[in-house]
Amino acid sequence: MAATAFLWSSAGLFIKVIDWNPFAIAGARSLISSLVILIYLRRPKFHCSLPQVGAAVASTATMLLFVTANKTTTAANAILLQYVGPVFTAIIGAWILKERARLEHWVAFLFVAVGMVLLFMDKLGGGRLLGNVLAVLSGLVFSFYYIFMRLQKKESPLESILLAHWLTAVIGLGVALFLPLPVFTWKAAGAIAMLGIFQVGVSAILFTVAIKRIPAVFANLIAVIEPVFNPLWVFLALGEAPGFNAIIGGAVIILAVSGASIVSARRSS
């Protein structure tokens, strides 16, 4: 799950070098990633159960809500508000999955919230109410994605992600047809390929391996380390060093998630 979050975090860096509209990027990325997943699955099995379809719809809705939120509020607000997801997962998961969040998870939630505020302190703003609400809704829908995927722990949840990427590709590329056509460059094509193959393709395979082995609330908690890696990617590629608050905030988040992981592992053993 940590490796999944690491790959997810590369999105910001690659998207920055693609001068396309968000729908074209999302559609092309999903189309490429669906090919990666098809190669891995070889023979996907679709049974159209509620968890399989629900996870696909939740994943697609999360991506579209998050894109819209980024357009109607500050990027920092959108990321920060989306990561209320683990709390939603803890509450809803206890009801549907019968997987209750432990004390270490709730303590980690508190420290993660502090870390997130420190991480984005220099970039937070009032934003627009609509965008902030959409960001929270994105976190809520994302929590259902974890829950529906976890409901398939005895099956193959990767088909849900395949359906999600097909749906996103149709919507994204369909909307892009009514917007200015993207300008093709080898730089943009390479970045799109990296996004499709690794950022969402390989990460989807890693995610399905993880969600079958750890509770949904724990998987969602580990995923919050994703924003911590973003400044690292920017530093490695562009040489922009993160600020002091970002370093402290990232350290708090990693320590909180690591501490919860250790306690949970010892509890299980």
Protein backbone atom coordinates (compact mmCIF):
# COMPACT_ATOMS: atom_id res chain seq x y z
CA MET A 1 0.00 0.00 0.00
CA ALA A 2 2.93 2.33 0.69
CA ALA A 3 4.35 1.54 -2.77
CA THR A 4 0.92 2.31 -4.23
CA ALA A 5 0.89 5.72 -2.52
CA PHE A 6 4.42 6.38 -3.80
CA LEU A 7 3.35 5.77 -7.41
CA TRP A 8 0.14 7.80 -6.96
CA SER A 9 2.24 10.75 -5.77
CA SER A 10 4.05 11.04 -9.11
CA ALA A 11 0.89 12.43 -10.76
CA GLY A 12 1.59 16.07 -9.93
CA LEU A 13 5.05 16.06 -11.45
CA PHE A 14 4.07 14.41 -14.75
CA ILE A 15 0.84 16.37 -15.14
CA LYS A 16 2.79 19.64 -14.83
CA VAL A 17 4.67 18.93 -18.07
CA ILE A 18 1.51 18.09 -20.06
CA ASP A 19 -0.13 21.17 -21.55
CA TRP A 20 -3.50 19.47 -22.07
CA ASN A 21 -6.90 20.02 -20.49
CA PRO A 22 -7.58 17.82 -17.42
CA PHE A 23 -10.21 15.68 -19.17
CA ALA A 24 -7.85 14.76 -22.01
CA ILE A 25 -5.15 13.85 -19.47
CA ALA A 26 -7.53 11.77 -17.34
CA GLY A 27 -9.02 10.01 -20.35
CA ALA A 28 -5.70 9.18 -22.04
CA ARG A 29 -4.14 8.08 -18.75
CA SER A 30 -7.03 5.74 -17.98
CA LEU A 31 -7.00 4.30 -21.50
CA ILE A 32 -3.30 3.39 -21.23
CA SER A 33 -3.64 2.02 -17.70
CA SER A 34 -6.54 -0.21 -18.78
CA LEU A 35 -4.20 -1.86 -21.30
CA VAL A 36 -1.65 -2.49 -18.53
CA ILE A 37 -4.31 -4.10 -16.34
CA LEU A 38 -5.64 -6.18 -19.24
CA ILE A 39 -2.14 -7.54 -19.93
CA TYR A 40 -1.82 -8.48 -16.25
CA LEU A 41 -5.29 -10.05 -15.96
CA ARG A 42 -5.31 -11.71 -19.39
CA ARG A 43 -8.87 -12.95 -18.86
CA PRO A 44 -10.83 -10.52 -16.69
CA LYS A 45 -13.96 -11.86 -15.00
CA PHE A 46 -16.96 -9.56 -14.79
CA HIS A 47 -19.89 -10.64 -12.63
CA CYS A 48 -21.39 -7.16 -12.15
CA SER A 49 -21.87 -7.61 -8.41
CA LEU A 50 -22.56 -4.57 -6.23
CA PRO A 51 -18.97 -4.45 -4.87
CA GLN A 52 -17.42 -4.78 -8.35
CA VAL A 53 -19.60 -2.11 -9.99
CA GLY A 54 -19.71 0.05 -6.85
CA ALA A 55 -15.91 0.24 -6.64
CA ALA A 56 -15.69 1.16 -10.32
CA VAL A 57 -18.29 3.94 -10.02
CA ALA A 58 -16.74 5.23 -6.77
CA SER A 59 -13.28 5.37 -8.34
CA THR A 60 -14.52 7.24 -11.40
CA ALA A 61 -16.57 9.66 -9.30
CA THR A 62 -13.55 10.33 -7.07
CA MET A 63 -11.36 11.25 -10.03
CA LEU A 64 -14.00 13.53 -11.59
CA LEU A 65 -14.88 15.21 -8.28
CA PHE A 66 -11.24 15.81 -7.47
CA VAL A 67 -10.55 17.35 -10.88
CA THR A 68 -13.56 19.64 -10.48
CA ALA A 69 -12.56 20.54 -6.92
CA ASN A 70 -9.09 21.54 -8.12
CA LYS A 71 -10.72 23.89 -10.63
CA THR A 72 -13.01 25.55 -8.06
CA THR A 73 -10.79 25.85 -4.98
CA THR A 74 -7.08 25.92 -4.19
CA ALA A 75 -5.11 22.74 -4.95
CA ALA A 76 -3.92 22.56 -1.33
CA ASN A 77 -7.49 22.80 -0.03
CA ALA A 78 -8.61 20.08 -2.45
CA ILE A 79 -5.88 17.66 -1.35
CA LEU A 80 -6.25 18.41 2.35
CA LEU A 81 -10.05 18.10 2.40
CA GLN A 82 -10.01 14.90 0.33
CA TYR A 83 -7.92 13.24 3.01
CA VAL A 84 -10.76 13.22 5.50
CA GLY A 85 -11.42 9.92 3.68
CA PRO A 86 -9.87 7.65 6.34
CA VAL A 87 -12.33 8.96 8.94
CA PHE A 88 -15.25 8.20 6.61
CA THR A 89 -13.77 4.76 5.94
CA ALA A 90 -13.45 4.07 9.67
CA ILE A 91 -17.09 4.99 10.34
CA ILE A 92 -18.69 3.40 7.27
CA GLY A 93 -16.33 0.39 7.30
CA ALA A 94 -17.32 -0.47 10.86
CA TRP A 95 -20.93 -0.68 9.68
CA ILE A 96 -20.49 -2.49 6.35
CA LEU A 97 -17.25 -4.46 6.76
CA LYS A 98 -17.42 -4.99 10.53
CA GLU A 99 -13.79 -3.78 10.62
CA ARG A 100 -13.53 -1.33 13.49
CA ALA A 101 -10.76 1.25 13.67
CA ARG A 102 -8.45 0.59 16.61
CA LEU A 103 -7.15 3.17 19.09
CA GLU A 104 -3.86 3.49 17.20
CA HIS A 105 -5.77 4.39 14.04
CA TRP A 106 -7.70 7.21 15.71
CA VAL A 107 -4.50 8.56 17.28
CA ALA A 108 -2.84 8.40 13.86
CA PHE A 109 -5.79 10.30 12.31
CA LEU A 110 -5.19 13.15 14.76
CA PHE A 111 -1.46 13.39 14.04
CA VAL A 112 -2.02 13.03 10.29
CA ALA A 113 -4.41 16.00 10.40
CA VAL A 114 -1.73 18.07 12.16
CA GLY A 115 0.88 16.93 9.65
CA MET A 116 -1.37 17.78 6.69
CA VAL A 117 -1.96 21.31 7.97
CA LEU A 118 1.81 21.81 8.41
CA LEU A 119 2.49 20.30 4.98
CA PHE A 120 0.13 22.71 3.23
CA MET A 121 0.29 25.65 5.64
CA ASP A 122 1.93 27.99 3.13
CA LYS A 123 -0.55 27.12 0.39
CA LEU A 124 -3.87 26.94 2.24
CA GLY A 125 -6.46 29.57 1.42
CA GLY A 126 -10.12 30.25 1.83
CA GLY A 127 -10.93 28.87 -1.60
CA ARG A 128 -14.50 28.70 -2.81
CA LEU A 129 -17.18 26.96 -0.80
CA LEU A 130 -18.31 24.83 -3.75
CA GLY A 131 -14.78 23.57 -4.39
CA ASN A 132 -14.22 22.79 -0.72
CA VAL A 133 -17.49 20.86 -0.55
CA LEU A 134 -16.60 18.91 -3.69
CA ALA A 135 -13.22 18.02 -2.16
CA VAL A 136 -14.92 16.63 0.95
CA LEU A 137 -17.35 14.69 -1.26
CA SER A 138 -14.35 13.33 -3.14
CA GLY A 139 -12.98 11.99 0.16
CA LEU A 140 -16.36 10.48 1.04
CA VAL A 141 -16.71 8.72 -2.32
CA PHE A 142 -13.08 7.55 -2.12
CA SER A 143 -13.85 5.88 1.22
CA PHE A 144 -16.59 3.85 -0.48
CA TYR A 145 -14.00 2.80 -3.08
CA TYR A 146 -11.86 1.27 -0.33
CA ILE A 147 -14.87 -0.43 1.22
CA PHE A 148 -16.17 -1.92 -2.05
CA MET A 149 -12.67 -3.11 -2.93
CA ARG A 150 -12.26 -4.69 0.50
CA LEU A 151 -15.59 -6.51 0.04
CA GLN A 152 -13.87 -8.36 -2.82
CA LYS A 153 -10.96 -9.59 -0.67
CA LYS A 154 -11.79 -13.22 -1.54
CA GLU A 155 -12.19 -12.44 -5.23
CA SER A 156 -10.30 -10.39 -7.84
CA PRO A 157 -10.92 -6.66 -7.24
CA LEU A 158 -8.71 -5.61 -10.15
CA GLU A 159 -11.65 -5.90 -12.55
CA SER A 160 -13.29 -3.00 -10.68
CA ILE A 161 -10.32 -0.79 -11.45
CA LEU A 162 -10.39 -1.90 -15.08
CA LEU A 163 -14.07 -0.91 -15.32
CA ALA A 164 -13.29 2.41 -13.61
CA HIS A 165 -10.58 3.26 -16.13
CA TRP A 166 -12.79 2.34 -19.07
CA LEU A 167 -15.54 4.56 -17.68
CA THR A 168 -13.11 7.41 -16.98
CA ALA A 169 -11.59 7.10 -20.46
CA VAL A 170 -15.02 7.33 -22.10
CA ILE A 171 -16.08 10.34 -20.02
CA GLY A 172 -12.71 12.12 -20.11
CA LEU A 173 -12.06 11.70 -23.83
CA GLY A 174 -15.72 12.35 -24.62
CA VAL A 175 -15.67 15.71 -22.85
CA ALA A 176 -12.24 16.51 -24.35
CA LEU A 177 -13.76 16.34 -27.83
CA PHE A 178 -15.72 19.52 -27.03
CA LEU A 179 -12.62 21.34 -25.73
CA PRO A 180 -9.57 22.65 -27.61
CA LEU A 181 -7.65 19.67 -28.98
CA PRO A 182 -4.40 18.92 -27.11
CA VAL A 183 -1.12 19.66 -28.90
CA PHE A 184 0.90 16.47 -29.39
CA THR A 185 4.54 16.56 -28.32
CA TRP A 186 6.91 13.73 -27.48
CA LYS A 187 7.37 15.22 -24.02
CA ALA A 188 3.62 15.14 -23.34
CA ALA A 189 3.30 11.66 -24.84
CA GLY A 190 6.10 10.35 -22.61
CA ALA A 191 4.51 11.90 -19.52
CA ILE A 192 1.10 10.42 -20.38
CA ALA A 193 2.73 7.01 -20.87
CA MET A 194 4.40 7.23 -17.44
CA LEU A 195 1.09 8.21 -15.85
CA GLY A 196 -0.84 5.42 -17.53
CA ILE A 197 1.72 2.64 -17.07
CA PHE A 198 3.10 3.36 -13.61
CA GLN A 199 1.13 6.06 -11.78
CA VAL A 200 -2.25 4.31 -12.20
CA GLY A 201 -1.48 1.05 -14.04
CA VAL A 202 1.13 -0.68 -11.88
CA SER A 203 -0.24 1.06 -8.77
CA ALA A 204 -3.66 -0.53 -9.43
CA ILE A 205 -2.10 -4.00 -9.34
CA LEU A 206 -0.24 -3.19 -6.10
CA PHE A 207 -3.41 -1.74 -4.58
CA THR A 208 -5.45 -4.89 -5.22
CA VAL A 209 -2.71 -7.04 -3.66
CA ALA A 210 -2.75 -4.78 -0.59
CA ILE A 211 -6.51 -4.39 -0.08
CA LYS A 212 -6.97 -8.17 0.08
CA ARG A 213 -4.55 -8.35 3.02
CA ILE A 214 -5.22 -5.31 5.22
CA PRO A 215 -8.45 -3.67 6.48
CA ALA A 216 -9.93 -0.83 4.44
CA VAL A 217 -9.40 1.80 7.15
CA PHE A 218 -5.74 0.83 7.48
CA ALA A 219 -5.21 0.91 3.71
CA ASN A 220 -6.76 4.37 3.54
CA LEU A 221 -4.61 5.53 6.46
CA ILE A 222 -1.41 4.37 4.75
CA ALA A 223 -2.48 6.12 1.54
CA VAL A 224 -2.30 9.52 3.27
CA ILE A 225 1.48 9.42 2.88
CA GLU A 226 0.93 10.19 -0.81
CA PRO A 227 1.16 14.01 -0.45
CA VAL A 228 4.41 13.58 1.52
CA PHE A 229 6.12 12.22 -1.59
CA ASN A 230 4.99 15.10 -3.84
CA PRO A 231 7.69 17.57 -2.65
CA LEU A 232 10.25 14.76 -3.01
CA TRP A 233 9.37 14.28 -6.70
CA VAL A 234 9.57 18.03 -7.31
CA PHE A 235 12.91 18.23 -5.50
CA LEU A 236 14.41 15.35 -7.49
CA ALA A 237 13.16 16.64 -10.84
CA LEU A 238 13.27 20.42 -10.46
CA GLY A 239 15.58 20.97 -7.49
CA GLU A 240 12.92 22.87 -5.51
CA ALA A 241 13.58 22.14 -1.84
CA PRO A 242 10.49 21.84 0.41
CA GLY A 243 10.02 24.39 3.17
CA PHE A 244 10.57 23.75 6.88
CA ASN A 245 6.85 23.34 7.64
CA ALA A 246 6.47 20.84 4.79
CA ILE A 247 9.39 18.77 6.10
CA ILE A 248 8.01 18.74 9.66
CA GLY A 249 4.49 17.98 8.43
CA GLY A 250 5.71 15.12 6.26
CA ALA A 251 7.72 13.69 9.14
CA VAL A 252 4.69 13.82 11.45
CA ILE A 253 2.53 11.98 8.88
CA ILE A 254 5.12 9.26 8.24
CA LEU A 255 5.73 8.73 11.97
CA ALA A 256 1.98 8.57 12.66
CA VAL A 257 1.33 6.02 9.92
CA SER A 258 4.44 3.99 10.81
CA GLY A 259 3.53 3.96 14.50
CA ALA A 260 -0.01 2.77 13.76
CA SER A 261 1.41 0.10 11.42
CA ILE A 262 3.77 -1.25 14.08
CA VAL A 263 1.10 -1.32 16.80
CA SER A 264 -1.41 -3.01 14.47
CA ALA A 265 1.17 -5.61 13.38
CA ARG A 266 1.99 -6.46 16.98
CA ARG A 267 -1.69 -6.63 17.85
CA SER A 268 -2.30 -9.07 14.97
CA SER A 269 0.65 -11.30 15.91
